Each structure stands twice: as structure tokens, then as C-alpha cells.
Amino acid sequence: MASRTPLVMTGPRASATRALPSRAFAVSITALFLLVLTSAISCVREEDITLEQRAHQLAGELMCPVCDGQTIDGSNAQIAIDMRLKVRERLEAGDTNAEVRDYFVVRYGQEILAAPERSGFNLLAWIVPVVIVFGGIGIALITIKNMRKSVLQAQPANAPQTAEAVAGENLEKYLAQVDRDLGIAADTIPDDEQETSTPDNNSDEVNS
């Protein structure tokens, strides 16, 4: 029984196929790094930053009630100015960041927060994007794996056909060259030799 030789893909097609998983792996590592970095930034302790920094951070987390999609840290509306003063006042009174947010949520509702709280049903707003990102990466990796498998399975069936096509084309070129050579050889025979050869043949037939 003939042994099967493992197929080794070469050329640009093989290089591109091998590069796809590397790119997908790089994308997954980048997404994981960004996720860890975001979590680390959000977990900075309140004791490690000054009151001024806390006030600026909270101002970026509270929406201006009369502005169109703008937080109070970038609004010049009077209510935004009053809210910034209230934030500083509450912090100076000893409130934590969570207590300051709760203070405004009680008066304006959850819509006052620029981002939903990470608790209860609102936790889904933080989890779902992460699940979507990693789910997309997983689907991409599976798709790339299936593509590579399809290429490897299709390559052996196409290889003999390609070899036959090349052999047939070479054979046609060879036969065409032979025809041309024979045609040139026939044209180079002198006409008088062709004419003299005919009587000799006839005389041989008479003598016989």
C-alpha cells in the first residue's frame, strides 16, 4: 500500500493562512489588555487621589439635566455649575464617591449617571460588551480554523488536476514543435530529387 506523504503548503497562500491565527491571537491579547487596564483604572482607591481629582472624576460621571448628552464637568449651564459645587461640598463633608452619586440619583434618577452602576441589572451593561468581544474573538478563531481545514482538504484533490493540465499543455507544445520541424524538413527536399525518385521506383517494378 502506498504511503501518504503529508501535504506541506508553500508560497504566499500558506504564509497568509499561517498569519491569520497570529493576527487573531494578537487581537485577543489586545482586547484582554484593554479590559484589564480599564478594570485597573476603575479600581483606583479613593484614598490615593486628592479631593480635587475626586471632584473632577465625579463631575465626569454626572450628566447635566438640561444639556444634550453632556456631563457637568464640561457644561457652563447654571445647574451644572451648582452640581459641581454640590459635589465638592459633599466631598468636603466626608462623603465617598458612591455616596455622592447616590445623592444625585435620589434627586434626578438613574439617568443622571453617565454610566450605569455596576450592580444588579445594570451590571449587564458592563458584562455584555465583554462577552460580545470575547465571543467575537472565539468565533473568528473557529472560522479561521475551519478555513485552514478546508484549504488543506481541497489542496490534494486539486493538485493532480493541476499536474495533468500542465503535462497536457507541455505535450501540446512538444507535438506542435515536432510538426513544425517535420514541415521544415519536408520543405528542404529539392524538387528534382523528388521527381527522379519516381522513375526509379517504376523501373524497379518493370524489372521485377
C-alpha atoms as a PDB file:
ATOM      1  CA  MET A   1       0.000   0.000   0.000  1.00  0.00           C
ATOM      2  CA  ALA A   2       1.374   3.374  -0.994  1.00  0.00           C
ATOM      3  CA  SER A   3       2.221   5.601   1.921  1.00  0.00           C
ATOM      4  CA  ARG A   4       0.675   9.007   2.077  1.00  0.00           C
ATOM      5  CA  THR A   5       3.029  11.913   2.075  1.00  0.00           C
ATOM      6  CA  PRO A   6       1.844  14.732   4.375  1.00  0.00           C
ATOM      7  CA  LEU A   7       0.877  17.810   2.462  1.00  0.00           C
ATOM      8  CA  VAL A   8       3.024  20.858   3.116  1.00  0.00           C
ATOM      9  CA  MET A   9       1.661  24.135   1.829  1.00  0.00           C
ATOM     10  CA  THR A  10       4.166  26.628   0.488  1.00  0.00           C
ATOM     11  CA  GLY A  11       4.036  30.008  -1.111  1.00  0.00           C
ATOM     12  CA  PRO A  12       2.038  33.163  -0.327  1.00  0.00           C
ATOM     13  CA  ARG A  13      -1.151  31.202   0.255  1.00  0.00           C
ATOM     14  CA  ALA A  14       0.434  29.166   3.029  1.00  0.00           C
ATOM     15  CA  SER A  15       2.017  32.243   4.582  1.00  0.00           C
ATOM     16  CA  ALA A  16      -1.320  34.060   4.629  1.00  0.00           C
ATOM     17  CA  THR A  17      -3.029  31.021   6.148  1.00  0.00           C
ATOM     18  CA  ARG A  18      -0.453  30.792   8.924  1.00  0.00           C
ATOM     19  CA  ALA A  19      -0.665  34.539   9.553  1.00  0.00           C
ATOM     20  CA  LEU A  20      -4.411  34.534  10.217  1.00  0.00           C
ATOM     21  CA  PRO A  21      -4.263  32.771  13.615  1.00  0.00           C
ATOM     22  CA  SER A  22      -1.392  35.034  14.660  1.00  0.00           C
ATOM     23  CA  ARG A  23      -3.454  38.117  13.892  1.00  0.00           C
ATOM     24  CA  ALA A  24      -6.465  36.750  15.746  1.00  0.00           C
ATOM     25  CA  PHE A  25      -4.258  35.923  18.733  1.00  0.00           C
ATOM     26  CA  ALA A  26      -2.844  39.453  18.708  1.00  0.00           C
ATOM     27  CA  VAL A  27      -6.364  40.911  18.631  1.00  0.00           C
ATOM     28  CA  SER A  28      -7.445  38.750  21.573  1.00  0.00           C
ATOM     29  CA  ILE A  29      -4.378  39.739  23.608  1.00  0.00           C
ATOM     30  CA  THR A  30      -5.004  43.426  22.867  1.00  0.00           C
ATOM     31  CA  ALA A  31      -8.653  43.166  23.901  1.00  0.00           C
ATOM     32  CA  LEU A  32      -7.691  41.377  27.114  1.00  0.00           C
ATOM     33  CA  PHE A  33      -5.063  44.017  27.883  1.00  0.00           C
ATOM     34  CA  LEU A  34      -7.556  46.842  27.386  1.00  0.00           C
ATOM     35  CA  LEU A  35     -10.069  45.077  29.619  1.00  0.00           C
ATOM     36  CA  VAL A  36      -7.525  44.616  32.405  1.00  0.00           C
ATOM     37  CA  LEU A  37      -6.327  48.204  32.032  1.00  0.00           C
ATOM     38  CA  THR A  38      -9.884  49.543  32.258  1.00  0.00           C
ATOM     39  CA  SER A  39     -10.574  47.457  35.351  1.00  0.00           C
ATOM     40  CA  ALA A  40      -7.359  48.622  36.973  1.00  0.00           C
ATOM     41  CA  ILE A  41      -8.166  52.269  36.332  1.00  0.00           C
ATOM     42  CA  SER A  42     -11.664  51.898  37.753  1.00  0.00           C
ATOM     43  CA  CYS A  43     -10.308  50.170  40.883  1.00  0.00           C
ATOM     44  CA  VAL A  44      -8.052  53.037  41.958  1.00  0.00           C
ATOM     45  CA  ARG A  45      -8.629  53.665  45.629  1.00  0.00           C
ATOM     46  CA  GLU A  46     -10.238  56.947  46.616  1.00  0.00           C
ATOM     47  CA  GLU A  47      -7.520  57.464  49.236  1.00  0.00           C
ATOM     48  CA  ASP A  48      -4.874  57.564  46.506  1.00  0.00           C
ATOM     49  CA  ILE A  49      -6.277  60.676  44.796  1.00  0.00           C
ATOM     50  CA  THR A  50      -6.873  64.188  46.063  1.00  0.00           C
ATOM     51  CA  LEU A  51     -10.253  65.761  46.745  1.00  0.00           C
ATOM     52  CA  GLU A  52      -9.847  67.921  43.646  1.00  0.00           C
ATOM     53  CA  GLN A  53      -9.267  64.855  41.494  1.00  0.00           C
ATOM     54  CA  ARG A  54     -12.254  63.095  43.029  1.00  0.00           C
ATOM     55  CA  ALA A  55     -14.451  66.111  42.336  1.00  0.00           C
ATOM     56  CA  HIS A  56     -13.307  66.205  38.709  1.00  0.00           C
ATOM     57  CA  GLN A  57     -13.862  62.455  38.369  1.00  0.00           C
ATOM     58  CA  LEU A  58     -17.396  62.654  39.751  1.00  0.00           C
ATOM     59  CA  ALA A  59     -18.200  65.654  37.549  1.00  0.00           C
ATOM     60  CA  GLY A  60     -17.360  63.466  34.563  1.00  0.00           C
ATOM     61  CA  GLU A  61     -19.743  60.767  35.802  1.00  0.00           C
ATOM     62  CA  LEU A  62     -22.796  63.001  36.269  1.00  0.00           C
ATOM     63  CA  MET A  63     -24.924  64.185  33.366  1.00  0.00           C
ATOM     64  CA  CYS A  64     -26.182  67.732  33.025  1.00  0.00           C
ATOM     65  CA  PRO A  65     -30.018  67.563  33.332  1.00  0.00           C
ATOM     66  CA  VAL A  66     -30.617  70.394  30.842  1.00  0.00           C
ATOM     67  CA  CYS A  67     -27.792  69.644  28.400  1.00  0.00           C
ATOM     68  CA  ASP A  68     -27.788  67.349  25.397  1.00  0.00           C
ATOM     69  CA  GLY A  69     -25.544  64.398  26.247  1.00  0.00           C
ATOM     70  CA  GLN A  70     -23.048  66.433  28.253  1.00  0.00           C
ATOM     71  CA  THR A  71     -21.601  65.853  31.699  1.00  0.00           C
ATOM     72  CA  ILE A  72     -21.428  68.623  34.274  1.00  0.00           C
ATOM     73  CA  ASP A  73     -17.639  68.932  34.029  1.00  0.00           C
ATOM     74  CA  GLY A  74     -17.910  70.327  30.501  1.00  0.00           C
ATOM     75  CA  SER A  75     -21.115  72.351  30.794  1.00  0.00           C
ATOM     76  CA  ASN A  76     -21.487  76.049  31.567  1.00  0.00           C
ATOM     77  CA  ALA A  77     -25.172  75.772  32.422  1.00  0.00           C
ATOM     78  CA  GLN A  78     -26.065  77.169  35.820  1.00  0.00           C
ATOM     79  CA  ILE A  79     -27.422  73.857  37.061  1.00  0.00           C
ATOM     80  CA  ALA A  80     -24.157  72.149  36.079  1.00  0.00           C
ATOM     81  CA  ILE A  81     -22.186  74.767  37.999  1.00  0.00           C
ATOM     82  CA  ASP A  82     -24.416  74.255  41.045  1.00  0.00           C
ATOM     83  CA  MET A  83     -23.987  70.490  40.803  1.00  0.00           C
ATOM     84  CA  ARG A  84     -20.197  70.814  40.692  1.00  0.00           C
ATOM     85  CA  LEU A  85     -20.312  72.958  43.808  1.00  0.00           C
ATOM     86  CA  LYS A  86     -22.558  70.407  45.500  1.00  0.00           C
ATOM     87  CA  VAL A  87     -20.134  67.619  44.582  1.00  0.00           C
ATOM     88  CA  ARG A  88     -17.262  69.490  46.219  1.00  0.00           C
ATOM     89  CA  GLU A  89     -19.417  70.293  49.230  1.00  0.00           C
ATOM     90  CA  ARG A  90     -20.363  66.652  49.749  1.00  0.00           C
ATOM     91  CA  LEU A  91     -16.759  65.502  49.388  1.00  0.00           C
ATOM     92  CA  GLU A  92     -15.556  68.070  51.897  1.00  0.00           C
ATOM     93  CA  ALA A  93     -18.247  66.802  54.264  1.00  0.00           C
ATOM     94  CA  GLY A  94     -16.637  63.350  54.100  1.00  0.00           C
ATOM     95  CA  ASP A  95     -18.913  61.539  51.629  1.00  0.00           C
ATOM     96  CA  THR A  96     -17.469  58.789  49.479  1.00  0.00           C
ATOM     97  CA  ASN A  97     -17.782  58.850  45.710  1.00  0.00           C
ATOM     98  CA  ALA A  98     -20.585  56.294  45.879  1.00  0.00           C
ATOM     99  CA  GLU A  99     -22.480  58.399  48.419  1.00  0.00           C
ATOM    100  CA  VAL A 100     -22.179  61.472  46.209  1.00  0.00           C
ATOM    101  CA  ARG A 101     -23.526  59.537  43.228  1.00  0.00           C
ATOM    102  CA  ASP A 102     -26.390  58.186  45.320  1.00  0.00           C
ATOM    103  CA  TYR A 103     -27.192  61.730  46.423  1.00  0.00           C
ATOM    104  CA  PHE A 104     -27.781  62.826  42.835  1.00  0.00           C
ATOM    105  CA  VAL A 105     -29.512  59.575  41.830  1.00  0.00           C
ATOM    106  CA  VAL A 106     -32.118  60.123  44.561  1.00  0.00           C
ATOM    107  CA  ARG A 107     -32.893  63.585  43.185  1.00  0.00           C
ATOM    108  CA  TYR A 108     -32.589  63.012  39.421  1.00  0.00           C
ATOM    109  CA  GLY A 109     -32.876  59.250  38.902  1.00  0.00           C
ATOM    110  CA  GLN A 110     -30.501  56.793  37.249  1.00  0.00           C
ATOM    111  CA  GLU A 111     -30.410  58.965  34.122  1.00  0.00           C
ATOM    112  CA  ILE A 112     -28.126  61.391  35.935  1.00  0.00           C
ATOM    113  CA  LEU A 113     -25.295  58.863  35.750  1.00  0.00           C
ATOM    114  CA  ALA A 114     -23.125  58.924  32.640  1.00  0.00           C
ATOM    115  CA  ALA A 115     -22.560  55.163  33.010  1.00  0.00           C
ATOM    116  CA  PRO A 116     -24.843  52.634  34.730  1.00  0.00           C
ATOM    117  CA  GLU A 117     -23.842  51.347  38.148  1.00  0.00           C
ATOM    118  CA  ARG A 118     -22.056  48.009  38.282  1.00  0.00           C
ATOM    119  CA  SER A 119     -24.686  46.272  40.353  1.00  0.00           C
ATOM    120  CA  GLY A 120     -27.971  44.457  39.858  1.00  0.00           C
ATOM    121  CA  PHE A 121     -29.498  44.586  36.391  1.00  0.00           C
ATOM    122  CA  ASN A 122     -27.157  47.414  35.376  1.00  0.00           C
ATOM    123  CA  LEU A 123     -24.251  45.008  35.715  1.00  0.00           C
ATOM    124  CA  LEU A 124     -25.329  43.505  32.395  1.00  0.00           C
ATOM    125  CA  ALA A 125     -24.378  46.753  30.688  1.00  0.00           C
ATOM    126  CA  TRP A 126     -20.781  46.069  31.730  1.00  0.00           C
ATOM    127  CA  ILE A 127     -20.746  42.309  31.200  1.00  0.00           C
ATOM    128  CA  VAL A 128     -22.486  42.087  27.818  1.00  0.00           C
ATOM    129  CA  PRO A 129     -19.867  44.122  25.875  1.00  0.00           C
ATOM    130  CA  VAL A 130     -17.078  41.967  27.313  1.00  0.00           C
ATOM    131  CA  VAL A 131     -18.959  38.789  26.392  1.00  0.00           C
ATOM    132  CA  ILE A 132     -19.557  40.130  22.878  1.00  0.00           C
ATOM    133  CA  VAL A 133     -15.870  40.979  22.410  1.00  0.00           C
ATOM    134  CA  PHE A 134     -14.568  37.605  23.542  1.00  0.00           C
ATOM    135  CA  GLY A 135     -17.392  35.789  21.768  1.00  0.00           C
ATOM    136  CA  GLY A 136     -16.453  37.546  18.537  1.00  0.00           C
ATOM    137  CA  ILE A 137     -12.810  36.593  19.012  1.00  0.00           C
ATOM    138  CA  GLY A 138     -13.806  32.972  19.622  1.00  0.00           C
ATOM    139  CA  ILE A 139     -15.981  32.899  16.505  1.00  0.00           C
ATOM    140  CA  ALA A 140     -13.145  34.425  14.474  1.00  0.00           C
ATOM    141  CA  LEU A 141     -10.701  31.773  15.688  1.00  0.00           C
ATOM    142  CA  ILE A 142     -13.135  28.953  14.885  1.00  0.00           C
ATOM    143  CA  THR A 143     -13.772  30.418  11.430  1.00  0.00           C
ATOM    144  CA  ILE A 144     -10.053  30.679  10.723  1.00  0.00           C
ATOM    145  CA  LYS A 145      -9.530  27.087  11.870  1.00  0.00           C
ATOM    146  CA  ASN A 146     -12.302  25.850   9.565  1.00  0.00           C
ATOM    147  CA  MET A 147     -10.865  27.856   6.670  1.00  0.00           C
ATOM    148  CA  ARG A 148      -7.456  26.263   7.147  1.00  0.00           C
ATOM    149  CA  LYS A 149      -9.030  22.804   7.312  1.00  0.00           C
ATOM    150  CA  SER A 150     -10.956  23.448   4.084  1.00  0.00           C
ATOM    151  CA  VAL A 151      -7.798  24.608   2.321  1.00  0.00           C
ATOM    152  CA  LEU A 152      -5.864  21.536   3.444  1.00  0.00           C
ATOM    153  CA  GLN A 153      -8.662  19.193   2.363  1.00  0.00           C
ATOM    154  CA  ALA A 154      -9.120  20.846  -1.026  1.00  0.00           C
ATOM    155  CA  GLN A 155      -5.437  21.021  -1.920  1.00  0.00           C
ATOM    156  CA  PRO A 156      -4.778  17.254  -2.565  1.00  0.00           C
ATOM    157  CA  ALA A 157      -7.773  16.982  -4.911  1.00  0.00           C
ATOM    158  CA  ASN A 158      -6.681  19.965  -6.946  1.00  0.00           C
ATOM    159  CA  ALA A 159      -3.008  19.005  -7.180  1.00  0.00           C
ATOM    160  CA  PRO A 160      -3.375  16.056  -9.673  1.00  0.00           C
ATOM    161  CA  GLN A 161      -5.656  18.114 -11.888  1.00  0.00           C
ATOM    162  CA  THR A 162      -3.104  20.879 -11.984  1.00  0.00           C
ATOM    163  CA  ALA A 163      -0.313  18.431 -12.838  1.00  0.00           C
ATOM    164  CA  GLU A 164      -2.383  16.863 -15.623  1.00  0.00           C
ATOM    165  CA  ALA A 165      -3.199  20.264 -17.044  1.00  0.00           C
ATOM    166  CA  VAL A 166       0.466  21.258 -17.053  1.00  0.00           C
ATOM    167  CA  ALA A 167       1.513  17.924 -18.628  1.00  0.00           C
ATOM    168  CA  GLY A 168      -1.153  18.237 -21.321  1.00  0.00           C
ATOM    169  CA  GLU A 169      -0.084  21.760 -22.134  1.00  0.00           C
ATOM    170  CA  ASN A 170       3.569  20.719 -22.385  1.00  0.00           C
ATOM    171  CA  LEU A 171       2.648  17.764 -24.614  1.00  0.00           C
ATOM    172  CA  GLU A 172       0.710  20.022 -26.966  1.00  0.00           C
ATOM    173  CA  LYS A 173       3.667  22.374 -27.217  1.00  0.00           C
ATOM    174  CA  TYR A 174       6.010  19.441 -27.929  1.00  0.00           C
ATOM    175  CA  LEU A 175       3.785  17.989 -30.665  1.00  0.00           C
ATOM    176  CA  ALA A 176       3.394  21.402 -32.234  1.00  0.00           C
ATOM    177  CA  GLN A 177       7.176  21.788 -32.285  1.00  0.00           C
ATOM    178  CA  VAL A 178       7.558  18.326 -33.872  1.00  0.00           C
ATOM    179  CA  ASP A 179       5.031  19.235 -36.565  1.00  0.00           C
ATOM    180  CA  ARG A 180       6.911  22.414 -37.320  1.00  0.00           C
ATOM    181  CA  ASP A 181      10.229  20.562 -37.518  1.00  0.00           C
ATOM    182  CA  LEU A 182       8.805  17.931 -39.868  1.00  0.00           C
ATOM    183  CA  GLY A 183       7.257  20.584 -42.051  1.00  0.00           C
ATOM    184  CA  ILE A 184      10.561  22.386 -42.355  1.00  0.00           C
ATOM    185  CA  ALA A 185      12.378  19.110 -43.198  1.00  0.00           C
ATOM    186  CA  ALA A 186       9.900  18.281 -45.991  1.00  0.00           C
ATOM    187  CA  ASP A 187      10.228  21.744 -47.491  1.00  0.00           C
ATOM    188  CA  THR A 188      14.015  21.487 -47.672  1.00  0.00           C
ATOM    189  CA  ILE A 189      13.975  18.386 -50.015  1.00  0.00           C
ATOM    190  CA  PRO A 190      14.829  19.505 -53.630  1.00  0.00           C
ATOM    191  CA  ASP A 191      12.079  19.093 -56.217  1.00  0.00           C
ATOM    192  CA  ASP A 192      14.358  17.322 -58.771  1.00  0.00           C
ATOM    193  CA  GLU A 193      15.230  14.621 -56.230  1.00  0.00           C
ATOM    194  CA  GLN A 194      11.549  14.021 -55.585  1.00  0.00           C
ATOM    195  CA  GLU A 195      10.922  13.744 -59.383  1.00  0.00           C
ATOM    196  CA  THR A 196      13.865  11.395 -60.044  1.00  0.00           C
ATOM    197  CA  SER A 197      12.849   9.095 -57.285  1.00  0.00           C
ATOM    198  CA  THR A 198       9.572   8.295 -59.042  1.00  0.00           C
ATOM    199  CA  PRO A 199      11.063   6.794 -62.288  1.00  0.00           C
ATOM    200  CA  ASP A 200      13.458   4.639 -60.294  1.00  0.00           C
ATOM    201  CA  ASN A 201      10.572   3.134 -58.477  1.00  0.00           C
ATOM    202  CA  ASN A 202       8.747   2.484 -61.761  1.00  0.00           C
ATOM    203  CA  SER A 203      11.799   0.836 -63.329  1.00  0.00           C
ATOM    204  CA  ASP A 204      12.188  -1.463 -60.390  1.00  0.00           C
ATOM    205  CA  GLU A 205       8.612  -2.556 -60.809  1.00  0.00           C
ATOM    206  CA  VAL A 206       9.157  -3.321 -64.567  1.00  0.00           C
ATOM    207  CA  ASN A 207      12.314  -5.307 -63.925  1.00  0.00           C
ATOM    208  CA  SER A 208      10.569  -7.351 -61.350  1.00  0.00           C
END
